[in-house]
Amino acid sequence: MNEKGFSPAQVARLADFVQYQEGSVVSREVISKTTGTVTIFSFDQGQGLSEHTAPFDAMVYVIDGSVEITIGGRPHKVGAGEMIIMPANQPHALKALEKFKMMLIMIRSQ
């Protein structure tokens, strides 16, 4: 088992990496390298992340539930089994339409 609490080269369910907590956003980093990160999040209904930007493209894959992701002022509803890419330097925000879990993959490049 590694410092993240799971074993590489073993099958794992993404949905089991984080649990829902009432009124909260929970995250667990799965991979953290200088070239990028993979993080699993759970959001209680109504929770979100306020508008911000990131210097790199980021991909969101929704594991469970649904979320409204606003990118550059345009809202997108993303549900379980769907993904969206948030372009670098574009303002984006997230709001849980219901409880949802997502995987965030950020690849750093120059």
PDB file of N, CA and C in Angstrom:
ATOM      1  N   MET A   1       0.844  -1.166   0.000  1.00  0.00           N
ATOM      2  CA  MET A   1       0.000   0.000   0.000  1.00  0.00           C
ATOM      3  C   MET A   1       0.900   1.243   0.000  1.00  0.00           C
ATOM      4  N   ASN A   2       0.544   2.253  -0.809  1.00  0.00           N
ATOM      5  CA  ASN A   2       1.372   3.453  -0.855  1.00  0.00           C
ATOM      6  C   ASN A   2       0.862   4.517   0.108  1.00  0.00           C
ATOM      7  N   GLU A   3       1.495   5.697   0.088  1.00  0.00           N
ATOM      8  CA  GLU A   3       1.134   6.773   1.015  1.00  0.00           C
ATOM      9  C   GLU A   3      -0.272   7.307   0.775  1.00  0.00           C
ATOM     10  N   LYS A   4      -0.863   7.017  -0.388  1.00  0.00           N
ATOM     11  CA  LYS A   4      -2.221   7.478  -0.698  1.00  0.00           C
ATOM     12  C   LYS A   4      -3.273   6.517  -0.157  1.00  0.00           C
ATOM     13  N   GLY A   5      -2.832   5.359   0.361  1.00  0.00           N
ATOM     14  CA  GLY A   5      -3.756   4.424   0.977  1.00  0.00           C
ATOM     15  C   GLY A   5      -4.307   3.349   0.055  1.00  0.00           C
ATOM     16  N   PHE A   6      -3.686   3.137  -1.075  1.00  0.00           N
ATOM     17  CA  PHE A   6      -4.117   2.067  -1.975  1.00  0.00           C
ATOM     18  C   PHE A   6      -2.902   1.480  -2.657  1.00  0.00           C
ATOM     19  N   SER A   7      -3.081   0.329  -3.260  1.00  0.00           N
ATOM     20  CA  SER A   7      -1.968  -0.377  -3.883  1.00  0.00           C
ATOM     21  C   SER A   7      -1.978  -0.214  -5.394  1.00  0.00           C
ATOM     22  N   PRO A   8      -0.860   0.213  -5.983  1.00  0.00           N
ATOM     23  CA  PRO A   8      -0.759   0.252  -7.438  1.00  0.00           C
ATOM     24  C   PRO A   8      -0.873  -1.159  -8.006  1.00  0.00           C
ATOM     25  N   ALA A   9      -1.228  -1.249  -9.279  1.00  0.00           N
ATOM     26  CA  ALA A   9      -1.351  -2.519  -9.992  1.00  0.00           C
ATOM     27  C   ALA A   9      -2.419  -3.412  -9.375  1.00  0.00           C
ATOM     28  N   GLN A  10      -3.447  -2.788  -8.760  1.00  0.00           N
ATOM     29  CA  GLN A  10      -4.585  -3.519  -8.229  1.00  0.00           C
ATOM     30  C   GLN A  10      -5.855  -2.807  -8.659  1.00  0.00           C
ATOM     31  N   VAL A  11      -6.890  -3.571  -8.900  1.00  0.00           N
ATOM     32  CA  VAL A  11      -8.174  -3.013  -9.318  1.00  0.00           C
ATOM     33  C   VAL A  11      -8.809  -2.266  -8.147  1.00  0.00           C
ATOM     34  N   ALA A  12      -9.354  -1.084  -8.436  1.00  0.00           N
ATOM     35  CA  ALA A  12     -10.027  -0.286  -7.409  1.00  0.00           C
ATOM     36  C   ALA A  12     -11.227   0.417  -8.035  1.00  0.00           C
ATOM     37  N   ARG A  13     -12.262   0.659  -7.245  1.00  0.00           N
ATOM     38  CA  ARG A  13     -13.447   1.391  -7.708  1.00  0.00           C
ATOM     39  C   ARG A  13     -13.287   2.870  -7.365  1.00  0.00           C
ATOM     40  N   LEU A  14     -13.326   3.716  -8.392  1.00  0.00           N
ATOM     41  CA  LEU A  14     -13.177   5.157  -8.179  1.00  0.00           C
ATOM     42  C   LEU A  14     -14.206   5.694  -7.189  1.00  0.00           C
ATOM     43  N   ALA A  15     -15.423   5.205  -7.277  1.00  0.00           N
ATOM     44  CA  ALA A  15     -16.494   5.694  -6.403  1.00  0.00           C
ATOM     45  C   ALA A  15     -16.207   5.430  -4.930  1.00  0.00           C
ATOM     46  N   ASP A  16     -15.346   4.450  -4.639  1.00  0.00           N
ATOM     47  CA  ASP A  16     -15.032   4.110  -3.251  1.00  0.00           C
ATOM     48  C   ASP A  16     -13.891   4.950  -2.665  1.00  0.00           C
ATOM     49  N   PHE A  17     -13.239   5.761  -3.480  1.00  0.00           N
ATOM     50  CA  PHE A  17     -12.088   6.534  -2.993  1.00  0.00           C
ATOM     51  C   PHE A  17     -12.489   7.650  -2.042  1.00  0.00           C
ATOM     52  N   VAL A  18     -13.692   8.200  -2.223  1.00  0.00           N
ATOM     53  CA  VAL A  18     -14.193   9.249  -1.323  1.00  0.00           C
ATOM     54  C   VAL A  18     -15.658   8.965  -1.024  1.00  0.00           C
ATOM     55  N   GLN A  19     -16.075   9.335   0.164  1.00  0.00           N
ATOM     56  CA  GLN A  19     -17.473   9.176   0.565  1.00  0.00           C
ATOM     57  C   GLN A  19     -18.130  10.553   0.608  1.00  0.00           C
ATOM     58  N   TYR A  20     -19.447  10.567   0.517  1.00  0.00           N
ATOM     59  CA  TYR A  20     -20.183  11.822   0.658  1.00  0.00           C
ATOM     60  C   TYR A  20     -20.200  12.234   2.119  1.00  0.00           C
ATOM     61  N   GLN A  21     -20.067  13.549   2.353  1.00  0.00           N
ATOM     62  CA  GLN A  21     -20.207  14.103   3.692  1.00  0.00           C
ATOM     63  C   GLN A  21     -21.172  15.273   3.599  1.00  0.00           C
ATOM     64  N   GLU A  22     -22.156  15.293   4.482  1.00  0.00           N
ATOM     65  CA  GLU A  22     -23.188  16.313   4.456  1.00  0.00           C
ATOM     66  C   GLU A  22     -22.583  17.718   4.486  1.00  0.00           C
ATOM     67  N   GLY A  23     -23.007  18.547   3.521  1.00  0.00           N
ATOM     68  CA  GLY A  23     -22.582  19.938   3.470  1.00  0.00           C
ATOM     69  C   GLY A  23     -21.124  20.151   3.112  1.00  0.00           C
ATOM     70  N   SER A  24     -20.486  19.130   2.519  1.00  0.00           N
ATOM     71  CA  SER A  24     -19.041  19.225   2.300  1.00  0.00           C
ATOM     72  C   SER A  24     -18.613  18.808   0.908  1.00  0.00           C
ATOM     73  N   VAL A  25     -17.378  19.211   0.601  1.00  0.00           N
ATOM     74  CA  VAL A  25     -16.643  18.736  -0.566  1.00  0.00           C
ATOM     75  C   VAL A  25     -15.475  17.939  -0.007  1.00  0.00           C
ATOM     76  N   VAL A  26     -15.306  16.715  -0.486  1.00  0.00           N
ATOM     77  CA  VAL A  26     -14.232  15.841  -0.016  1.00  0.00           C
ATOM     78  C   VAL A  26     -13.348  15.507  -1.214  1.00  0.00           C
ATOM     79  N   SER A  27     -12.035  15.495  -1.015  1.00  0.00           N
ATOM     80  CA  SER A  27     -11.140  15.134  -2.120  1.00  0.00           C
ATOM     81  C   SER A  27     -10.065  14.170  -1.635  1.00  0.00           C
ATOM     82  N   ARG A  28      -9.580  13.392  -2.595  1.00  0.00           N
ATOM     83  CA  ARG A  28      -8.487  12.451  -2.304  1.00  0.00           C
ATOM     84  C   ARG A  28      -7.610  12.368  -3.541  1.00  0.00           C
ATOM     85  N   GLU A  29      -6.374  12.740  -3.368  1.00  0.00           N
ATOM     86  CA  GLU A  29      -5.415  12.684  -4.463  1.00  0.00           C
ATOM     87  C   GLU A  29      -5.007  11.228  -4.697  1.00  0.00           C
ATOM     88  N   VAL A  30      -5.071  10.807  -5.958  1.00  0.00           N
ATOM     89  CA  VAL A  30      -4.719   9.438  -6.315  1.00  0.00           C
ATOM     90  C   VAL A  30      -3.306   9.391  -6.881  1.00  0.00           C
ATOM     91  N   ILE A  31      -2.994  10.351  -7.741  1.00  0.00           N
ATOM     92  CA  ILE A  31      -1.661  10.451  -8.330  1.00  0.00           C
ATOM     93  C   ILE A  31      -1.216  11.904  -8.243  1.00  0.00           C
ATOM     94  N   SER A  32       0.007  12.121  -7.832  1.00  0.00           N
ATOM     95  CA  SER A  32       0.580  13.465  -7.789  1.00  0.00           C
ATOM     96  C   SER A  32       2.004  13.391  -8.311  1.00  0.00           C
ATOM     97  N   LYS A  33       2.194  13.913  -9.497  1.00  0.00           N
ATOM     98  CA  LYS A  33       3.506  13.939 -10.137  1.00  0.00           C
ATOM     99  C   LYS A  33       3.775  15.360 -10.606  1.00  0.00           C
ATOM    100  N   THR A  34       5.009  15.663 -10.926  1.00  0.00           N
ATOM    101  CA  THR A  34       5.321  16.997 -11.443  1.00  0.00           C
ATOM    102  C   THR A  34       4.620  17.248 -12.779  1.00  0.00           C
ATOM    103  N   THR A  35       4.265  16.177 -13.481  1.00  0.00           N
ATOM    104  CA  THR A  35       3.603  16.303 -14.788  1.00  0.00           C
ATOM    105  C   THR A  35       2.087  16.369 -14.697  1.00  0.00           C
ATOM    106  N   GLY A  36       1.517  16.118 -13.532  1.00  0.00           N
ATOM    107  CA  GLY A  36       0.070  16.211 -13.395  1.00  0.00           C
ATOM    108  C   GLY A  36      -0.463  15.499 -12.175  1.00  0.00           C
ATOM    109  N   THR A  37      -1.783  15.634 -11.995  1.00  0.00           N
ATOM    110  CA  THR A  37      -2.443  15.031 -10.847  1.00  0.00           C
ATOM    111  C   THR A  37      -3.749  14.367 -11.273  1.00  0.00           C
ATOM    112  N   VAL A  38      -4.159  13.397 -10.468  1.00  0.00           N
ATOM    113  CA  VAL A  38      -5.487  12.785 -10.580  1.00  0.00           C
ATOM    114  C   VAL A  38      -6.082  12.844  -9.179  1.00  0.00           C
ATOM    115  N   THR A  39      -7.262  13.460  -9.064  1.00  0.00           N
ATOM    116  CA  THR A  39      -7.909  13.633  -7.773  1.00  0.00           C
ATOM    117  C   THR A  39      -9.371  13.219  -7.888  1.00  0.00           C
ATOM    118  N   ILE A  40      -9.867  12.505  -6.886  1.00  0.00           N
ATOM    119  CA  ILE A  40     -11.267  12.116  -6.821  1.00  0.00           C
ATOM    120  C   ILE A  40     -11.952  13.028  -5.804  1.00  0.00           C
ATOM    121  N   PHE A  41     -13.125  13.565  -6.176  1.00  0.00           N
ATOM    122  CA  PHE A  41     -13.893  14.469  -5.326  1.00  0.00           C
ATOM    123  C   PHE A  41     -15.293  13.920  -5.106  1.00  0.00           C
ATOM    124  N   SER A  42     -15.883  14.243  -3.959  1.00  0.00           N
ATOM    125  CA  SER A  42     -17.319  14.084  -3.752  1.00  0.00           C
ATOM    126  C   SER A  42     -17.861  15.431  -3.278  1.00  0.00           C
ATOM    127  N   PHE A  43     -19.035  15.780  -3.780  1.00  0.00           N
ATOM    128  CA  PHE A  43     -19.703  17.028  -3.442  1.00  0.00           C
ATOM    129  C   PHE A  43     -21.100  16.709  -2.942  1.00  0.00           C
ATOM    130  N   ASP A  44     -21.497  17.281  -1.814  1.00  0.00           N
ATOM    131  CA  ASP A  44     -22.886  17.165  -1.391  1.00  0.00           C
ATOM    132  C   ASP A  44     -23.723  18.086  -2.284  1.00  0.00           C
ATOM    133  N   GLN A  45     -25.005  17.800  -2.386  1.00  0.00           N
ATOM    134  CA  GLN A  45     -25.891  18.615  -3.213  1.00  0.00           C
ATOM    135  C   GLN A  45     -25.787  20.084  -2.814  1.00  0.00           C
ATOM    136  N   GLY A  46     -25.680  20.957  -3.823  1.00  0.00           N
ATOM    137  CA  GLY A  46     -25.593  22.394  -3.591  1.00  0.00           C
ATOM    138  C   GLY A  46     -24.189  22.909  -3.341  1.00  0.00           C
ATOM    139  N   GLN A  47     -23.246  22.005  -3.074  1.00  0.00           N
ATOM    140  CA  GLN A  47     -21.864  22.418  -2.851  1.00  0.00           C
ATOM    141  C   GLN A  47     -21.197  22.686  -4.196  1.00  0.00           C
ATOM    142  N   GLY A  48     -20.092  23.400  -4.183  1.00  0.00           N
ATOM    143  CA  GLY A  48     -19.406  23.666  -5.437  1.00  0.00           C
ATOM    144  C   GLY A  48     -18.059  24.305  -5.230  1.00  0.00           C
ATOM    145  N   LEU A  49     -17.507  24.761  -6.332  1.00  0.00           N
ATOM    146  CA  LEU A  49     -16.256  25.510  -6.339  1.00  0.00           C
ATOM    147  C   LEU A  49     -16.543  26.823  -7.047  1.00  0.00           C
ATOM    148  N   SER A  50     -16.159  27.925  -6.428  1.00  0.00           N
ATOM    149  CA  SER A  50     -16.402  29.236  -7.030  1.00  0.00           C
ATOM    150  C   SER A  50     -15.527  29.421  -8.268  1.00  0.00           C
ATOM    151  N   GLU A  51     -15.888  30.400  -9.068  1.00  0.00           N
ATOM    152  CA  GLU A  51     -15.181  30.632 -10.321  1.00  0.00           C
ATOM    153  C   GLU A  51     -13.693  30.879 -10.086  1.00  0.00           C
ATOM    154  N   HIS A  52     -12.880  30.200 -10.883  1.00  0.00           N
ATOM    155  CA  HIS A  52     -11.424  30.328 -10.801  1.00  0.00           C
ATOM    156  C   HIS A  52     -10.834  29.916 -12.144  1.00  0.00           C
ATOM    157  N   THR A  53      -9.541  30.081 -12.283  1.00  0.00           N
ATOM    158  CA  THR A  53      -8.847  29.628 -13.491  1.00  0.00           C
ATOM    159  C   THR A  53      -7.707  28.703 -13.077  1.00  0.00           C
ATOM    160  N   ALA A  54      -7.243  27.931 -14.043  1.00  0.00           N
ATOM    161  CA  ALA A  54      -6.088  27.060 -13.826  1.00  0.00           C
ATOM    162  C   ALA A  54      -5.158  27.243 -15.027  1.00  0.00           C
ATOM    163  N   PRO A  55      -3.856  27.144 -14.816  1.00  0.00           N
ATOM    164  CA  PRO A  55      -2.908  27.382 -15.906  1.00  0.00           C
ATOM    165  C   PRO A  55      -2.798  26.229 -16.905  1.00  0.00           C
ATOM    166  N   PHE A  56      -3.511  25.115 -16.642  1.00  0.00           N
ATOM    167  CA  PHE A  56      -3.428  23.935 -17.504  1.00  0.00           C
ATOM    168  C   PHE A  56      -4.823  23.408 -17.793  1.00  0.00           C
ATOM    169  N   ASP A  57      -4.968  22.700 -18.915  1.00  0.00           N
ATOM    170  CA  ASP A  57      -6.227  22.024 -19.199  1.00  0.00           C
ATOM    171  C   ASP A  57      -6.521  21.017 -18.088  1.00  0.00           C
ATOM    172  N   ALA A  58      -7.810  20.846 -17.807  1.00  0.00           N
ATOM    173  CA  ALA A  58      -8.215  19.855 -16.813  1.00  0.00           C
ATOM    174  C   ALA A  58      -9.421  19.098 -17.351  1.00  0.00           C
ATOM    175  N   MET A  59      -9.426  17.792 -17.155  1.00  0.00           N
ATOM    176  CA  MET A  59     -10.554  16.967 -17.577  1.00  0.00           C
ATOM    177  C   MET A  59     -11.326  16.517 -16.350  1.00  0.00           C
ATOM    178  N   VAL A  60     -12.646  16.684 -16.407  1.00  0.00           N
ATOM    179  CA  VAL A  60     -13.535  16.197 -15.353  1.00  0.00           C
ATOM    180  C   VAL A  60     -14.309  15.011 -15.909  1.00  0.00           C
ATOM    181  N   TYR A  61     -14.289  13.894 -15.185  1.00  0.00           N
ATOM    182  CA  TYR A  61     -15.103  12.727 -15.504  1.00  0.00           C
ATOM    183  C   TYR A  61     -16.038  12.514 -14.319  1.00  0.00           C
ATOM    184  N   VAL A  62     -17.357  12.555 -14.586  1.00  0.00           N
ATOM    185  CA  VAL A  62     -18.335  12.393 -13.516  1.00  0.00           C
ATOM    186  C   VAL A  62     -18.569  10.903 -13.280  1.00  0.00           C
ATOM    187  N   ILE A  63     -18.344  10.484 -12.050  1.00  0.00           N
ATOM    188  CA  ILE A  63     -18.465   9.087 -11.650  1.00  0.00           C
ATOM    189  C   ILE A  63     -19.902   8.769 -11.240  1.00  0.00           C
ATOM    190  N   ASP A  64     -20.541   9.713 -10.549  1.00  0.00           N
ATOM    191  CA  ASP A  64     -21.864   9.493  -9.960  1.00  0.00           C
ATOM    192  C   ASP A  64     -22.568  10.829  -9.855  1.00  0.00           C
ATOM    193  N   GLY A  65     -23.881  10.870 -10.081  1.00  0.00           N
ATOM    194  CA  GLY A  65     -24.647  12.097  -9.915  1.00  0.00           C
ATOM    195  C   GLY A  65     -24.495  13.039 -11.086  1.00  0.00           C
ATOM    196  N   SER A  66     -24.736  14.341 -10.825  1.00  0.00           N
ATOM    197  CA  SER A  66     -24.611  15.336 -11.893  1.00  0.00           C
ATOM    198  C   SER A  66     -24.184  16.684 -11.328  1.00  0.00           C
ATOM    199  N   VAL A  67     -23.586  17.473 -12.211  1.00  0.00           N
ATOM    200  CA  VAL A  67     -23.000  18.757 -11.831  1.00  0.00           C
ATOM    201  C   VAL A  67     -23.230  19.759 -12.957  1.00  0.00           C
ATOM    202  N   GLU A  68     -23.332  21.015 -12.580  1.00  0.00           N
ATOM    203  CA  GLU A  68     -23.311  22.082 -13.582  1.00  0.00           C
ATOM    204  C   GLU A  68     -21.920  22.701 -13.533  1.00  0.00           C
ATOM    205  N   ILE A  69     -21.235  22.641 -14.670  1.00  0.00           N
ATOM    206  CA  ILE A  69     -19.901  23.221 -14.774  1.00  0.00           C
ATOM    207  C   ILE A  69     -20.008  24.399 -15.736  1.00  0.00           C
ATOM    208  N   THR A  70     -19.690  25.573 -15.241  1.00  0.00           N
ATOM    209  CA  THR A  70     -19.731  26.777 -16.058  1.00  0.00           C
ATOM    210  C   THR A  70     -18.315  27.089 -16.511  1.00  0.00           C
ATOM    211  N   ILE A  71     -18.140  27.194 -17.826  1.00  0.00           N
ATOM    212  CA  ILE A  71     -16.826  27.483 -18.409  1.00  0.00           C
ATOM    213  C   ILE A  71     -16.981  28.716 -19.276  1.00  0.00           C
ATOM    214  N   GLY A  72     -16.218  29.754 -18.952  1.00  0.00           N
ATOM    215  CA  GLY A  72     -16.296  30.989 -19.722  1.00  0.00           C
ATOM    216  C   GLY A  72     -17.699  31.567 -19.762  1.00  0.00           C
ATOM    217  N   GLY A  73     -18.461  31.418 -18.668  1.00  0.00           N
ATOM    218  CA  GLY A  73     -19.808  31.958 -18.574  1.00  0.00           C
ATOM    219  C   GLY A  73     -20.890  31.066 -19.162  1.00  0.00           C
ATOM    220  N   ARG A  74     -20.531  29.932 -19.728  1.00  0.00           N
ATOM    221  CA  ARG A  74     -21.506  29.032 -20.362  1.00  0.00           C
ATOM    222  C   ARG A  74     -21.692  27.776 -19.506  1.00  0.00           C
ATOM    223  N   PRO A  75     -22.934  27.518 -19.019  1.00  0.00           N
ATOM    224  CA  PRO A  75     -23.166  26.340 -18.177  1.00  0.00           C
ATOM    225  C   PRO A  75     -23.273  25.054 -18.993  1.00  0.00           C
ATOM    226  N   HIS A  76     -22.763  23.961 -18.404  1.00  0.00           N
ATOM    227  CA  HIS A  76     -22.825  22.633 -19.004  1.00  0.00           C
ATOM    228  C   HIS A  76     -23.274  21.660 -17.924  1.00  0.00           C
ATOM    229  N   LYS A  77     -24.341  20.889 -18.194  1.00  0.00           N
ATOM    230  CA  LYS A  77     -24.746  19.836 -17.258  1.00  0.00           C
ATOM    231  C   LYS A  77     -23.984  18.576 -17.642  1.00  0.00           C
ATOM    232  N   VAL A  78     -23.277  17.997 -16.661  1.00  0.00           N
ATOM    233  CA  VAL A  78     -22.462  16.809 -16.898  1.00  0.00           C
ATOM    234  C   VAL A  78     -22.925  15.739 -15.913  1.00  0.00           C
ATOM    235  N   GLY A  79     -23.280  14.560 -16.442  1.00  0.00           N
ATOM    236  CA  GLY A  79     -23.794  13.484 -15.609  1.00  0.00           C
ATOM    237  C   GLY A  79     -22.862  12.287 -15.567  1.00  0.00           C
ATOM    238  N   ALA A  80     -23.256  11.311 -14.774  1.00  0.00           N
ATOM    239  CA  ALA A  80     -22.461  10.092 -14.588  1.00  0.00           C
ATOM    240  C   ALA A  80     -22.096   9.477 -15.929  1.00  0.00           C
ATOM    241  N   GLY A  81     -20.814   9.150 -16.076  1.00  0.00           N
ATOM    242  CA  GLY A  81     -20.319   8.550 -17.301  1.00  0.00           C
ATOM    243  C   GLY A  81     -19.928   9.557 -18.366  1.00  0.00           C
ATOM    244  N   GLU A  82     -20.084  10.851 -18.078  1.00  0.00           N
ATOM    245  CA  GLU A  82     -19.737  11.896 -19.040  1.00  0.00           C
ATOM    246  C   GLU A  82     -18.513  12.659 -18.573  1.00  0.00           C
ATOM    247  N   MET A  83     -17.865  13.344 -19.515  1.00  0.00           N
ATOM    248  CA  MET A  83     -16.683  14.131 -19.186  1.00  0.00           C
ATOM    249  C   MET A  83     -16.729  15.453 -19.925  1.00  0.00           C
ATOM    250  N   ILE A  84     -15.919  16.388 -19.444  1.00  0.00           N
ATOM    251  CA  ILE A  84     -15.755  17.686 -20.089  1.00  0.00           C
ATOM    252  C   ILE A  84     -14.336  18.161 -19.826  1.00  0.00           C
ATOM    253  N   ILE A  85     -13.793  18.902 -20.783  1.00  0.00           N
ATOM    254  CA  ILE A  85     -12.462  19.482 -20.599  1.00  0.00           C
ATOM    255  C   ILE A  85     -12.612  20.961 -20.305  1.00  0.00           C
ATOM    256  N   MET A  86     -11.956  21.398 -19.241  1.00  0.00           N
ATOM    257  CA  MET A  86     -11.930  22.809 -18.878  1.00  0.00           C
ATOM    258  C   MET A  86     -10.611  23.367 -19.392  1.00  0.00           C
ATOM    259  N   PRO A  87     -10.675  24.248 -20.407  1.00  0.00           N
ATOM    260  CA  PRO A  87      -9.434  24.756 -21.011  1.00  0.00           C
ATOM    261  C   PRO A  87      -8.620  25.623 -20.048  1.00  0.00           C
ATOM    262  N   ALA A  88      -7.335  25.587 -20.224  1.00  0.00           N
ATOM    263  CA  ALA A  88      -6.421  26.411 -19.430  1.00  0.00           C
ATOM    264  C   ALA A  88      -6.819  27.882 -19.523  1.00  0.00           C
ATOM    265  N   ASN A  89      -6.688  28.580 -18.418  1.00  0.00           N
ATOM    266  CA  ASN A  89      -6.895  30.028 -18.315  1.00  0.00           C
ATOM    267  C   ASN A  89      -8.319  30.486 -18.611  1.00  0.00           C
ATOM    268  N   GLN A  90      -9.276  29.557 -18.694  1.00  0.00           N
ATOM    269  CA  GLN A  90     -10.689  29.913 -18.851  1.00  0.00           C
ATOM    270  C   GLN A  90     -11.354  29.868 -17.476  1.00  0.00           C
ATOM    271  N   PRO A  91     -12.082  30.927 -17.104  1.00  0.00           N
ATOM    272  CA  PRO A  91     -12.777  30.875 -15.812  1.00  0.00           C
ATOM    273  C   PRO A  91     -13.782  29.718 -15.805  1.00  0.00           C
ATOM    274  N   HIS A  92     -13.819  28.981 -14.711  1.00  0.00           N
ATOM    275  CA  HIS A  92     -14.774  27.891 -14.575  1.00  0.00           C
ATOM    276  C   HIS A  92     -15.212  27.761 -13.121  1.00  0.00           C
ATOM    277  N   ALA A  93     -16.418  27.210 -12.939  1.00  0.00           N
ATOM    278  CA  ALA A  93     -16.999  26.998 -11.612  1.00  0.00           C
ATOM    279  C   ALA A  93     -17.824  25.722 -11.660  1.00  0.00           C
ATOM    280  N   LEU A  94     -18.042  25.107 -10.493  1.00  0.00           N
ATOM    281  CA  LEU A  94     -18.831  23.879 -10.401  1.00  0.00           C
ATOM    282  C   LEU A  94     -19.900  24.035  -9.340  1.00  0.00           C
ATOM    283  N   LYS A  95     -21.100  23.468  -9.613  1.00  0.00           N
ATOM    284  CA  LYS A  95     -22.163  23.424  -8.607  1.00  0.00           C
ATOM    285  C   LYS A  95     -22.864  22.080  -8.707  1.00  0.00           C
ATOM    286  N   ALA A  96     -22.944  21.370  -7.580  1.00  0.00           N
ATOM    287  CA  ALA A  96     -23.566  20.049  -7.535  1.00  0.00           C
ATOM    288  C   ALA A  96     -25.077  20.189  -7.677  1.00  0.00           C
ATOM    289  N   LEU A  97     -25.638  19.616  -8.750  1.00  0.00           N
ATOM    290  CA  LEU A  97     -27.091  19.603  -8.935  1.00  0.00           C
ATOM    291  C   LEU A  97     -27.731  18.567  -8.010  1.00  0.00           C
ATOM    292  N   GLU A  98     -26.947  17.582  -7.643  1.00  0.00           N
ATOM    293  CA  GLU A  98     -27.284  16.540  -6.676  1.00  0.00           C
ATOM    294  C   GLU A  98     -25.942  16.069  -6.132  1.00  0.00           C
ATOM    295  N   LYS A  99     -25.932  15.166  -5.191  1.00  0.00           N
ATOM    296  CA  LYS A  99     -24.652  14.608  -4.760  1.00  0.00           C
ATOM    297  C   LYS A  99     -23.948  14.073  -5.991  1.00  0.00           C
ATOM    298  N   PHE A 100     -22.660  14.348  -6.102  1.00  0.00           N
ATOM    299  CA  PHE A 100     -21.921  13.790  -7.234  1.00  0.00           C
ATOM    300  C   PHE A 100     -20.469  13.558  -6.871  1.00  0.00           C
ATOM    301  N   LYS A 101     -19.856  12.649  -7.642  1.00  0.00           N
ATOM    302  CA  LYS A 101     -18.435  12.347  -7.505  1.00  0.00           C
ATOM    303  C   LYS A 101     -17.794  12.528  -8.868  1.00  0.00           C
ATOM    304  N   MET A 102     -16.559  13.011  -8.852  1.00  0.00           N
ATOM    305  CA  MET A 102     -15.846  13.223 -10.110  1.00  0.00           C
ATOM    306  C   MET A 102     -14.376  12.890  -9.952  1.00  0.00           C
ATOM    307  N   MET A 103     -13.764  12.604 -11.092  1.00  0.00           N
ATOM    308  CA  MET A 103     -12.319  12.455 -11.173  1.00  0.00           C
ATOM    309  C   MET A 103     -11.811  13.671 -11.950  1.00  0.00           C
ATOM    310  N   LEU A 104     -10.848  14.366 -11.396  1.00  0.00           N
ATOM    311  CA  LEU A 104     -10.218  15.523 -12.033  1.00  0.00           C
ATOM    312  C   LEU A 104      -8.811  15.117 -12.443  1.00  0.00           C
ATOM    313  N   ILE A 105      -8.537  15.245 -13.739  1.00  0.00           N
ATOM    314  CA  ILE A 105      -7.209  14.923 -14.257  1.00  0.00           C
ATOM    315  C   ILE A 105      -6.614  16.217 -14.801  1.00  0.00           C
ATOM    316  N   MET A 106      -5.489  16.609 -14.246  1.00  0.00           N
ATOM    317  CA  MET A 106      -4.801  17.815 -14.717  1.00  0.00           C
ATOM    318  C   MET A 106      -3.419  17.411 -15.211  1.00  0.00           C
ATOM    319  N   ILE A 107      -3.165  17.733 -16.464  1.00  0.00           N
ATOM    320  CA  ILE A 107      -1.861  17.452 -17.068  1.00  0.00           C
ATOM    321  C   ILE A 107      -1.117  18.779 -17.199  1.00  0.00           C
ATOM    322  N   ARG A 108       0.016  18.850 -16.571  1.00  0.00           N
ATOM    323  CA  ARG A 108       0.805  20.089 -16.633  1.00  0.00           C
ATOM    324  C   ARG A 108       1.681  20.073 -17.862  1.00  0.00           C
ATOM    325  N   SER A 109       1.711  21.195 -18.565  1.00  0.00           N
ATOM    326  CA  SER A 109       2.571  21.327 -19.744  1.00  0.00           C
ATOM    327  C   SER A 109       3.071  22.759 -19.801  1.00  0.00           C
ATOM    328  N   GLN A 110       4.040  22.992 -20.648  1.00  0.00           N
ATOM    329  CA  GLN A 110       4.595  24.344 -20.769  1.00  0.00           C
ATOM    330  C   GLN A 110       4.309  24.928 -22.097  1.00  0.00           C
TER     331      GLN A 110
END
